[in-house]
Amino acid sequence: MIAPGHSNRDDLLARLTGPPGPELSCEECFAQLDHYVELELAGTDADTTIPGMRAHLEGCSACGEDHESLRALIATEARADT
């Protein structure tokens, strides 16, 4: 169900115009991804430490998949160590 005042057109416009704040490129994302995931898993505010990363991960499916894969890998390794 679509919320009142919200349409597919609004979603399309948001995707085309990008986030209102800073956003990283794929290269910058790749360079910072390990650090970002470490911060997330440590419970630190990763979004404040690396501004623009969250917006990039939400808008770039390739980087978003890398993020999820890295989180899963680290979580698996952490379980194996315990």
PDB file of N, CA and C in Angstrom:
ATOM      1  N   MET A   1       0.844  -1.174   0.000  1.00  0.00           N
ATOM      2  CA  MET A   1       0.000   0.000   0.000  1.00  0.00           C
ATOM      3  C   MET A   1       0.892   1.241   0.000  1.00  0.00           C
ATOM      4  N   ILE A   2       0.549   2.224  -0.801  1.00  0.00           N
ATOM      5  CA  ILE A   2       1.298   3.470  -0.887  1.00  0.00           C
ATOM      6  C   ILE A   2       0.724   4.459   0.116  1.00  0.00           C
ATOM      7  N   ALA A   3       1.615   5.099   0.879  1.00  0.00           N
ATOM      8  CA  ALA A   3       1.185   6.073   1.875  1.00  0.00           C
ATOM      9  C   ALA A   3       0.536   7.271   1.192  1.00  0.00           C
ATOM     10  N   PRO A   4      -0.411   7.940   1.870  1.00  0.00           N
ATOM     11  CA  PRO A   4      -1.032   9.122   1.288  1.00  0.00           C
ATOM     12  C   PRO A   4       0.017  10.169   0.917  1.00  0.00           C
ATOM     13  N   GLY A   5      -0.116  10.754  -0.267  1.00  0.00           N
ATOM     14  CA  GLY A   5       0.823  11.778  -0.699  1.00  0.00           C
ATOM     15  C   GLY A   5       2.135  11.227  -1.224  1.00  0.00           C
ATOM     16  N   HIS A   6       2.225   9.914  -1.290  1.00  0.00           N
ATOM     17  CA  HIS A   6       3.458   9.266  -1.730  1.00  0.00           C
ATOM     18  C   HIS A   6       3.151   8.467  -2.990  1.00  0.00           C
ATOM     19  N   SER A   7       3.956   8.634  -4.003  1.00  0.00           N
ATOM     20  CA  SER A   7       3.672   7.931  -5.243  1.00  0.00           C
ATOM     21  C   SER A   7       4.932   7.325  -5.817  1.00  0.00           C
ATOM     22  N   ASN A   8       4.742   6.492  -6.828  1.00  0.00           N
ATOM     23  CA  ASN A   8       5.892   5.926  -7.537  1.00  0.00           C
ATOM     24  C   ASN A   8       6.724   7.038  -8.157  1.00  0.00           C
ATOM     25  N   ARG A   9       6.065   8.114  -8.572  1.00  0.00           N
ATOM     26  CA  ARG A   9       6.772   9.254  -9.143  1.00  0.00           C
ATOM     27  C   ARG A   9       7.738   9.846  -8.127  1.00  0.00           C
ATOM     28  N   ASP A  10       7.309   9.950  -6.866  1.00  0.00           N
ATOM     29  CA  ASP A  10       8.178  10.480  -5.817  1.00  0.00           C
ATOM     30  C   ASP A  10       9.399   9.590  -5.626  1.00  0.00           C
ATOM     31  N   ASP A  11       9.195   8.278  -5.664  1.00  0.00           N
ATOM     32  CA  ASP A  11      10.317   7.344  -5.537  1.00  0.00           C
ATOM     33  C   ASP A  11      11.298   7.512  -6.692  1.00  0.00           C
ATOM     34  N   LEU A  12      10.759   7.628  -7.894  1.00  0.00           N
ATOM     35  CA  LEU A  12      11.606   7.797  -9.073  1.00  0.00           C
ATOM     36  C   LEU A  12      12.402   9.092  -8.989  1.00  0.00           C
ATOM     37  N   LEU A  13      11.766  10.173  -8.602  1.00  0.00           N
ATOM     38  CA  LEU A  13      12.463  11.452  -8.471  1.00  0.00           C
ATOM     39  C   LEU A  13      13.562  11.378  -7.417  1.00  0.00           C
ATOM     40  N   ALA A  14      13.293  10.722  -6.306  1.00  0.00           N
ATOM     41  CA  ALA A  14      14.300  10.590  -5.252  1.00  0.00           C
ATOM     42  C   ALA A  14      15.506   9.802  -5.746  1.00  0.00           C
ATOM     43  N   ARG A  15      15.266   8.761  -6.526  1.00  0.00           N
ATOM     44  CA  ARG A  15      16.370   7.961  -7.058  1.00  0.00           C
ATOM     45  C   ARG A  15      17.191   8.738  -8.086  1.00  0.00           C
ATOM     46  N   LEU A  16      16.494   9.544  -8.893  1.00  0.00           N
ATOM     47  CA  LEU A  16      17.189  10.310  -9.929  1.00  0.00           C
ATOM     48  C   LEU A  16      17.996  11.469  -9.359  1.00  0.00           C
ATOM     49  N   THR A  17      17.479  12.102  -8.330  1.00  0.00           N
ATOM     50  CA  THR A  17      18.167  13.266  -7.772  1.00  0.00           C
ATOM     51  C   THR A  17      19.175  12.897  -6.697  1.00  0.00           C
ATOM     52  N   GLY A  18      19.095  11.700  -6.174  1.00  0.00           N
ATOM     53  CA  GLY A  18      20.048  11.256  -5.161  1.00  0.00           C
ATOM     54  C   GLY A  18      19.710  11.802  -3.784  1.00  0.00           C
ATOM     55  N   PRO A  19      20.544  11.485  -2.825  1.00  0.00           N
ATOM     56  CA  PRO A  19      20.274  11.895  -1.450  1.00  0.00           C
ATOM     57  C   PRO A  19      20.519  13.393  -1.270  1.00  0.00           C
ATOM     58  N   PRO A  20      19.874  13.976  -0.257  1.00  0.00           N
ATOM     59  CA  PRO A  20      20.060  15.404  -0.024  1.00  0.00           C
ATOM     60  C   PRO A  20      21.442  15.756   0.520  1.00  0.00           C
ATOM     61  N   GLY A  21      22.092  14.828   1.176  1.00  0.00           N
ATOM     62  CA  GLY A  21      23.398  15.085   1.774  1.00  0.00           C
ATOM     63  C   GLY A  21      24.526  14.513   0.933  1.00  0.00           C
ATOM     64  N   PRO A  22      25.698  14.397   1.540  1.00  0.00           N
ATOM     65  CA  PRO A  22      26.858  13.880   0.796  1.00  0.00           C
ATOM     66  C   PRO A  22      26.686  12.409   0.446  1.00  0.00           C
ATOM     67  N   GLU A  23      27.307  12.019  -0.633  1.00  0.00           N
ATOM     68  CA  GLU A  23      27.304  10.617  -1.038  1.00  0.00           C
ATOM     69  C   GLU A  23      28.685  10.281  -1.577  1.00  0.00           C
ATOM     70  N   LEU A  24      29.143   9.094  -1.289  1.00  0.00           N
ATOM     71  CA  LEU A  24      30.444   8.642  -1.759  1.00  0.00           C
ATOM     72  C   LEU A  24      30.341   8.038  -3.144  1.00  0.00           C
ATOM     73  N   SER A  25      31.447   8.002  -3.857  1.00  0.00           N
ATOM     74  CA  SER A  25      31.512   7.269  -5.119  1.00  0.00           C
ATOM     75  C   SER A  25      31.735   5.790  -4.786  1.00  0.00           C
ATOM     76  N   CYS A  26      31.637   4.934  -5.781  1.00  0.00           N
ATOM     77  CA  CYS A  26      31.895   3.508  -5.565  1.00  0.00           C
ATOM     78  C   CYS A  26      33.338   3.282  -5.113  1.00  0.00           C
ATOM     79  N   GLU A  27      34.275   4.011  -5.685  1.00  0.00           N
ATOM     80  CA  GLU A  27      35.683   3.867  -5.288  1.00  0.00           C
ATOM     81  C   GLU A  27      35.887   4.261  -3.833  1.00  0.00           C
ATOM     82  N   GLU A  28      35.284   5.377  -3.418  1.00  0.00           N
ATOM     83  CA  GLU A  28      35.395   5.816  -2.026  1.00  0.00           C
ATOM     84  C   GLU A  28      34.714   4.820  -1.100  1.00  0.00           C
ATOM     85  N   CYS A  29      33.579   4.305  -1.529  1.00  0.00           N
ATOM     86  CA  CYS A  29      32.855   3.307  -0.740  1.00  0.00           C
ATOM     87  C   CYS A  29      33.717   2.072  -0.532  1.00  0.00           C
ATOM     88  N   PHE A  30      34.304   1.567  -1.614  1.00  0.00           N
ATOM     89  CA  PHE A  30      35.143   0.374  -1.529  1.00  0.00           C
ATOM     90  C   PHE A  30      36.323   0.595  -0.583  1.00  0.00           C
ATOM     91  N   ALA A  31      36.917   1.781  -0.640  1.00  0.00           N
ATOM     92  CA  ALA A  31      38.071   2.085   0.211  1.00  0.00           C
ATOM     93  C   ALA A  31      37.692   2.159   1.686  1.00  0.00           C
ATOM     94  N   GLN A  32      36.454   2.548   1.986  1.00  0.00           N
ATOM     95  CA  GLN A  32      36.025   2.738   3.368  1.00  0.00           C
ATOM     96  C   GLN A  32      35.151   1.613   3.926  1.00  0.00           C
ATOM     97  N   LEU A  33      34.781   0.656   3.088  1.00  0.00           N
ATOM     98  CA  LEU A  33      33.774  -0.332   3.492  1.00  0.00           C
ATOM     99  C   LEU A  33      34.204  -1.169   4.689  1.00  0.00           C
ATOM    100  N   ASP A  34      35.443  -1.639   4.722  1.00  0.00           N
ATOM    101  CA  ASP A  34      35.908  -2.440   5.862  1.00  0.00           C
ATOM    102  C   ASP A  34      35.759  -1.654   7.164  1.00  0.00           C
ATOM    103  N   HIS A  35      36.241  -0.428   7.146  1.00  0.00           N
ATOM    104  CA  HIS A  35      36.178   0.421   8.337  1.00  0.00           C
ATOM    105  C   HIS A  35      34.731   0.690   8.749  1.00  0.00           C
ATOM    106  N   TYR A  36      33.875   0.954   7.773  1.00  0.00           N
ATOM    107  CA  TYR A  36      32.468   1.226   8.039  1.00  0.00           C
ATOM    108  C   TYR A  36      31.804   0.031   8.723  1.00  0.00           C
ATOM    109  N   VAL A  37      32.030  -1.162   8.198  1.00  0.00           N
ATOM    110  CA  VAL A  37      31.425  -2.360   8.776  1.00  0.00           C
ATOM    111  C   VAL A  37      31.971  -2.613  10.182  1.00  0.00           C
ATOM    112  N   GLU A  38      33.269  -2.409  10.380  1.00  0.00           N
ATOM    113  CA  GLU A  38      33.841  -2.563  11.728  1.00  0.00           C
ATOM    114  C   GLU A  38      33.162  -1.614  12.710  1.00  0.00           C
ATOM    115  N   LEU A  39      32.949  -0.373  12.293  1.00  0.00           N
ATOM    116  CA  LEU A  39      32.268   0.601  13.154  1.00  0.00           C
ATOM    117  C   LEU A  39      30.844   0.162  13.451  1.00  0.00           C
ATOM    118  N   GLU A  40      30.128  -0.283  12.427  1.00  0.00           N
ATOM    119  CA  GLU A  40      28.750  -0.755  12.619  1.00  0.00           C
ATOM    120  C   GLU A  40      28.702  -1.892  13.631  1.00  0.00           C
ATOM    121  N   LEU A  41      29.553  -2.881  13.449  1.00  0.00           N
ATOM    122  CA  LEU A  41      29.529  -4.064  14.314  1.00  0.00           C
ATOM    123  C   LEU A  41      29.992  -3.752  15.730  1.00  0.00           C
ATOM    124  N   ALA A  42      30.791  -2.687  15.876  1.00  0.00           N
ATOM    125  CA  ALA A  42      31.236  -2.270  17.201  1.00  0.00           C
ATOM    126  C   ALA A  42      30.177  -1.424  17.909  1.00  0.00           C
ATOM    127  N   GLY A  43      29.100  -1.091  17.197  1.00  0.00           N
ATOM    128  CA  GLY A  43      28.038  -0.286  17.787  1.00  0.00           C
ATOM    129  C   GLY A  43      28.325   1.204  17.738  1.00  0.00           C
ATOM    130  N   THR A  44      29.342   1.597  16.989  1.00  0.00           N
ATOM    131  CA  THR A  44      29.696   2.999  16.821  1.00  0.00           C
ATOM    132  C   THR A  44      28.803   3.614  15.741  1.00  0.00           C
ATOM    133  N   ASP A  45      28.624   4.918  15.782  1.00  0.00           N
ATOM    134  CA  ASP A  45      27.819   5.594  14.771  1.00  0.00           C
ATOM    135  C   ASP A  45      28.627   5.716  13.482  1.00  0.00           C
ATOM    136  N   ALA A  46      28.568   4.686  12.672  1.00  0.00           N
ATOM    137  CA  ALA A  46      29.343   4.633  11.434  1.00  0.00           C
ATOM    138  C   ALA A  46      28.922   5.714  10.457  1.00  0.00           C
ATOM    139  N   ASP A  47      27.649   6.087  10.471  1.00  0.00           N
ATOM    140  CA  ASP A  47      27.147   7.089   9.531  1.00  0.00           C
ATOM    141  C   ASP A  47      27.712   8.479   9.832  1.00  0.00           C
ATOM    142  N   THR A  48      27.974   8.779  11.083  1.00  0.00           N
ATOM    143  CA  THR A  48      28.581  10.056  11.444  1.00  0.00           C
ATOM    144  C   THR A  48      30.071  10.040  11.122  1.00  0.00           C
ATOM    145  N   THR A  49      30.708   8.915  11.353  1.00  0.00           N
ATOM    146  CA  THR A  49      32.144   8.793  11.104  1.00  0.00           C
ATOM    147  C   THR A  49      32.461   8.830   9.616  1.00  0.00           C
ATOM    148  N   ILE A  50      31.621   8.198   8.797  1.00  0.00           N
ATOM    149  CA  ILE A  50      31.833   8.162   7.347  1.00  0.00           C
ATOM    150  C   ILE A  50      30.564   8.688   6.670  1.00  0.00           C
ATOM    151  N   PRO A  51      30.438  10.025   6.606  1.00  0.00           N
ATOM    152  CA  PRO A  51      29.236  10.607   6.012  1.00  0.00           C
ATOM    153  C   PRO A  51      29.089  10.225   4.543  1.00  0.00           C
ATOM    154  N   GLY A  52      27.866   9.965   4.157  1.00  0.00           N
ATOM    155  CA  GLY A  52      27.576   9.638   2.772  1.00  0.00           C
ATOM    156  C   GLY A  52      27.591   8.159   2.452  1.00  0.00           C
ATOM    157  N   MET A  53      28.145   7.353   3.339  1.00  0.00           N
ATOM    158  CA  MET A  53      28.239   5.917   3.071  1.00  0.00           C
ATOM    159  C   MET A  53      26.853   5.280   3.024  1.00  0.00           C
ATOM    160  N   ARG A  54      26.014   5.563   3.995  1.00  0.00           N
ATOM    161  CA  ARG A  54      24.679   4.951   4.054  1.00  0.00           C
ATOM    162  C   ARG A  54      23.889   5.282   2.785  1.00  0.00           C
ATOM    163  N   ALA A  55      23.933   6.547   2.374  1.00  0.00           N
ATOM    164  CA  ALA A  55      23.204   6.949   1.166  1.00  0.00           C
ATOM    165  C   ALA A  55      23.723   6.188  -0.049  1.00  0.00           C
ATOM    166  N   HIS A  56      25.022   6.006  -0.125  1.00  0.00           N
ATOM    167  CA  HIS A  56      25.581   5.280  -1.265  1.00  0.00           C
ATOM    168  C   HIS A  56      25.155   3.814  -1.229  1.00  0.00           C
ATOM    169  N   LEU A  57      25.221   3.197  -0.075  1.00  0.00           N
ATOM    170  CA  LEU A  57      24.852   1.786   0.041  1.00  0.00           C
ATOM    171  C   LEU A  57      23.380   1.562  -0.303  1.00  0.00           C
ATOM    172  N   GLU A  58      22.540   2.523   0.039  1.00  0.00           N
ATOM    173  CA  GLU A  58      21.117   2.403  -0.276  1.00  0.00           C
ATOM    174  C   GLU A  58      20.839   2.647  -1.751  1.00  0.00           C
ATOM    175  N   GLY A  59      21.680   3.433  -2.404  1.00  0.00           N
ATOM    176  CA  GLY A  59      21.438   3.775  -3.796  1.00  0.00           C
ATOM    177  C   GLY A  59      22.197   2.947  -4.810  1.00  0.00           C
ATOM    178  N   CYS A  60      23.205   2.208  -4.363  1.00  0.00           N
ATOM    179  CA  CYS A  60      24.043   1.419  -5.270  1.00  0.00           C
ATOM    180  C   CYS A  60      23.914  -0.056  -4.902  1.00  0.00           C
ATOM    181  N   SER A  61      23.246  -0.804  -5.737  1.00  0.00           N
ATOM    182  CA  SER A  61      22.989  -2.208  -5.396  1.00  0.00           C
ATOM    183  C   SER A  61      24.285  -3.024  -5.304  1.00  0.00           C
ATOM    184  N   ALA A  62      25.269  -2.726  -6.150  1.00  0.00           N
ATOM    185  CA  ALA A  62      26.531  -3.485  -6.110  1.00  0.00           C
ATOM    186  C   ALA A  62      27.250  -3.258  -4.787  1.00  0.00           C
ATOM    187  N   CYS A  63      27.379  -2.011  -4.368  1.00  0.00           N
ATOM    188  CA  CYS A  63      28.054  -1.715  -3.101  1.00  0.00           C
ATOM    189  C   CYS A  63      27.215  -2.201  -1.917  1.00  0.00           C
ATOM    190  N   GLY A  64      25.895  -2.105  -2.045  1.00  0.00           N
ATOM    191  CA  GLY A  64      25.021  -2.609  -0.991  1.00  0.00           C
ATOM    192  C   GLY A  64      25.191  -4.105  -0.788  1.00  0.00           C
ATOM    193  N   GLU A  65      25.348  -4.844  -1.888  1.00  0.00           N
ATOM    194  CA  GLU A  65      25.579  -6.286  -1.792  1.00  0.00           C
ATOM    195  C   GLU A  65      26.943  -6.577  -1.166  1.00  0.00           C
ATOM    196  N   ASP A  66      27.957  -5.807  -1.534  1.00  0.00           N
ATOM    197  CA  ASP A  66      29.285  -5.969  -0.917  1.00  0.00           C
ATOM    198  C   ASP A  66      29.202  -5.733   0.588  1.00  0.00           C
ATOM    199  N   HIS A  67      28.456  -4.724   0.977  1.00  0.00           N
ATOM    200  CA  HIS A  67      28.279  -4.397   2.395  1.00  0.00           C
ATOM    201  C   HIS A  67      27.639  -5.565   3.143  1.00  0.00           C
ATOM    202  N   GLU A  68      26.546  -6.088   2.597  1.00  0.00           N
ATOM    203  CA  GLU A  68      25.860  -7.208   3.247  1.00  0.00           C
ATOM    204  C   GLU A  68      26.753  -8.446   3.310  1.00  0.00           C
ATOM    205  N   SER A  69      27.489  -8.712   2.251  1.00  0.00           N
ATOM    206  CA  SER A  69      28.385  -9.874   2.223  1.00  0.00           C
ATOM    207  C   SER A  69      29.488  -9.740   3.262  1.00  0.00           C
ATOM    208  N   LEU A  70      30.064  -8.551   3.363  1.00  0.00           N
ATOM    209  CA  LEU A  70      31.138  -8.337   4.327  1.00  0.00           C
ATOM    210  C   LEU A  70      30.621  -8.460   5.749  1.00  0.00           C
ATOM    211  N   ARG A  71      29.448  -7.900   6.016  1.00  0.00           N
ATOM    212  CA  ARG A  71      28.850  -8.039   7.367  1.00  0.00           C
ATOM    213  C   ARG A  71      28.617  -9.513   7.705  1.00  0.00           C
ATOM    214  N   ALA A  72      28.102 -10.263   6.747  1.00  0.00           N
ATOM    215  CA  ALA A  72      27.833 -11.683   6.971  1.00  0.00           C
ATOM    216  C   ALA A  72      29.134 -12.451   7.205  1.00  0.00           C
ATOM    217  N   LEU A  73      30.158 -12.155   6.440  1.00  0.00           N
ATOM    218  CA  LEU A  73      31.448 -12.824   6.596  1.00  0.00           C
ATOM    219  C   LEU A  73      32.033 -12.560   7.972  1.00  0.00           C
ATOM    220  N   ILE A  74      32.031 -11.316   8.385  1.00  0.00           N
ATOM    221  CA  ILE A  74      32.600 -10.970   9.692  1.00  0.00           C
ATOM    222  C   ILE A  74      31.785 -11.590  10.805  1.00  0.00           C
ATOM    223  N   ALA A  75      30.469 -11.602  10.684  1.00  0.00           N
ATOM    224  CA  ALA A  75      29.616 -12.220  11.709  1.00  0.00           C
ATOM    225  C   ALA A  75      29.895 -13.725  11.797  1.00  0.00           C
ATOM    226  N   THR A  76      30.087 -14.375  10.647  1.00  0.00           N
ATOM    227  CA  THR A  76      30.394 -15.810  10.627  1.00  0.00           C
ATOM    228  C   THR A  76      31.732 -16.075  11.296  1.00  0.00           C
ATOM    229  N   GLU A  77      32.720 -15.254  10.984  1.00  0.00           N
ATOM    230  CA  GLU A  77      34.045 -15.405  11.588  1.00  0.00           C
ATOM    231  C   GLU A  77      33.990 -15.195  13.095  1.00  0.00           C
ATOM    232  N   ALA A  78      33.197 -14.221  13.519  1.00  0.00           N
ATOM    233  CA  ALA A  78      33.068 -13.949  14.952  1.00  0.00           C
ATOM    234  C   ALA A  78      32.426 -15.132  15.685  1.00  0.00           C
ATOM    235  N   ARG A  79      31.432 -15.751  15.057  1.00  0.00           N
ATOM    236  CA  ARG A  79      30.810 -16.930  15.677  1.00  0.00           C
ATOM    237  C   ARG A  79      31.769 -18.098  15.734  1.00  0.00           C
ATOM    238  N   ALA A  80      32.613 -18.256  14.729  1.00  0.00           N
ATOM    239  CA  ALA A  80      33.575 -19.348  14.684  1.00  0.00           C
ATOM    240  C   ALA A  80      34.649 -19.186  15.754  1.00  0.00           C
ATOM    241  N   ASP A  81      34.958 -17.927  16.103  1.00  0.00           N
ATOM    242  CA  ASP A  81      35.987 -17.653  17.102  1.00  0.00           C
ATOM    243  C   ASP A  81      35.494 -17.895  18.529  1.00  0.00           C
ATOM    244  N   THR A  82      34.192 -17.982  18.714  1.00  0.00           N
ATOM    245  CA  THR A  82      33.662 -18.163  20.076  1.00  0.00           C
ATOM    246  C   THR A  82      33.397 -19.604  20.383  1.00  0.00           C
TER     247      THR A  82
END
